[in-house]
Amino acid sequence: MSTRFIELGSILEPGRTPKTDKAAILVDAVRMVTQLRGEAQKLKDSNSSLQEKIKELKAEKIELRDEKQRLKAEKEKLEHQLKAMSSQPSFMPAPPAIPAAFATQGQSLGNKLMPFIGYPGVAMWQFMPPAAVDTSQDHVLHPPVA
C-alpha cells in the first residue's frame, strides 16, 4: 500500500521528489481529480456548443445551396426569355417615313382624310409575355365563323 501512495505521488507531480505523507498525497489526488473533472465538463460543454454550431452552419449551407439553384434557374429562364424576344422576327414592318405634307393628322387631301396615327409603327406584341402571343391554339379556341 505504501508503494502505491508513493507511485500516486510521483504521478501527481512528475519531476519532483514524491511526497511520503499519505494525507498530502490524497489531498493532491483529490485536487487533481476535481480539476480534471472541471476541465472535462468544460470540454463537453464546448463540444456540444460546437456541434450545435455545426448543425446551424449545415442548415445555412443547405439554404444557400437551394437559393443558389433557384437563382440559377431564374437566370437561365430570363436569358431564355431575352433570347426569345431578340430572335423573334417583327410582324409589323418598320413604319414608312410620312412626308411633311401628310404629317398633320386629319388633314384633308382632296376628298380623303389621313388616318389618325395614334402610335408609331412599333410592334407592341414584343413586350407581351410569350403565352399571350402564342397563336398555335387559335383554331381550337376561336374556330372560324362561316
Foldseek 3Di string as FASTA:
>chain_A
DQVVLQVLQCVLPPPDRGDNDSVVSVVSVVVVVVVVVVVVVVVVVVVVVVVVVVVVVVVVVVVVVVVVVVVVVVVVVVVVLVVVLVPDDAPFDAADDDDPVLPDAQDDDPPDGHHDDPDGRDRPCSVPDPVVVDCPCVCVVPPDDD
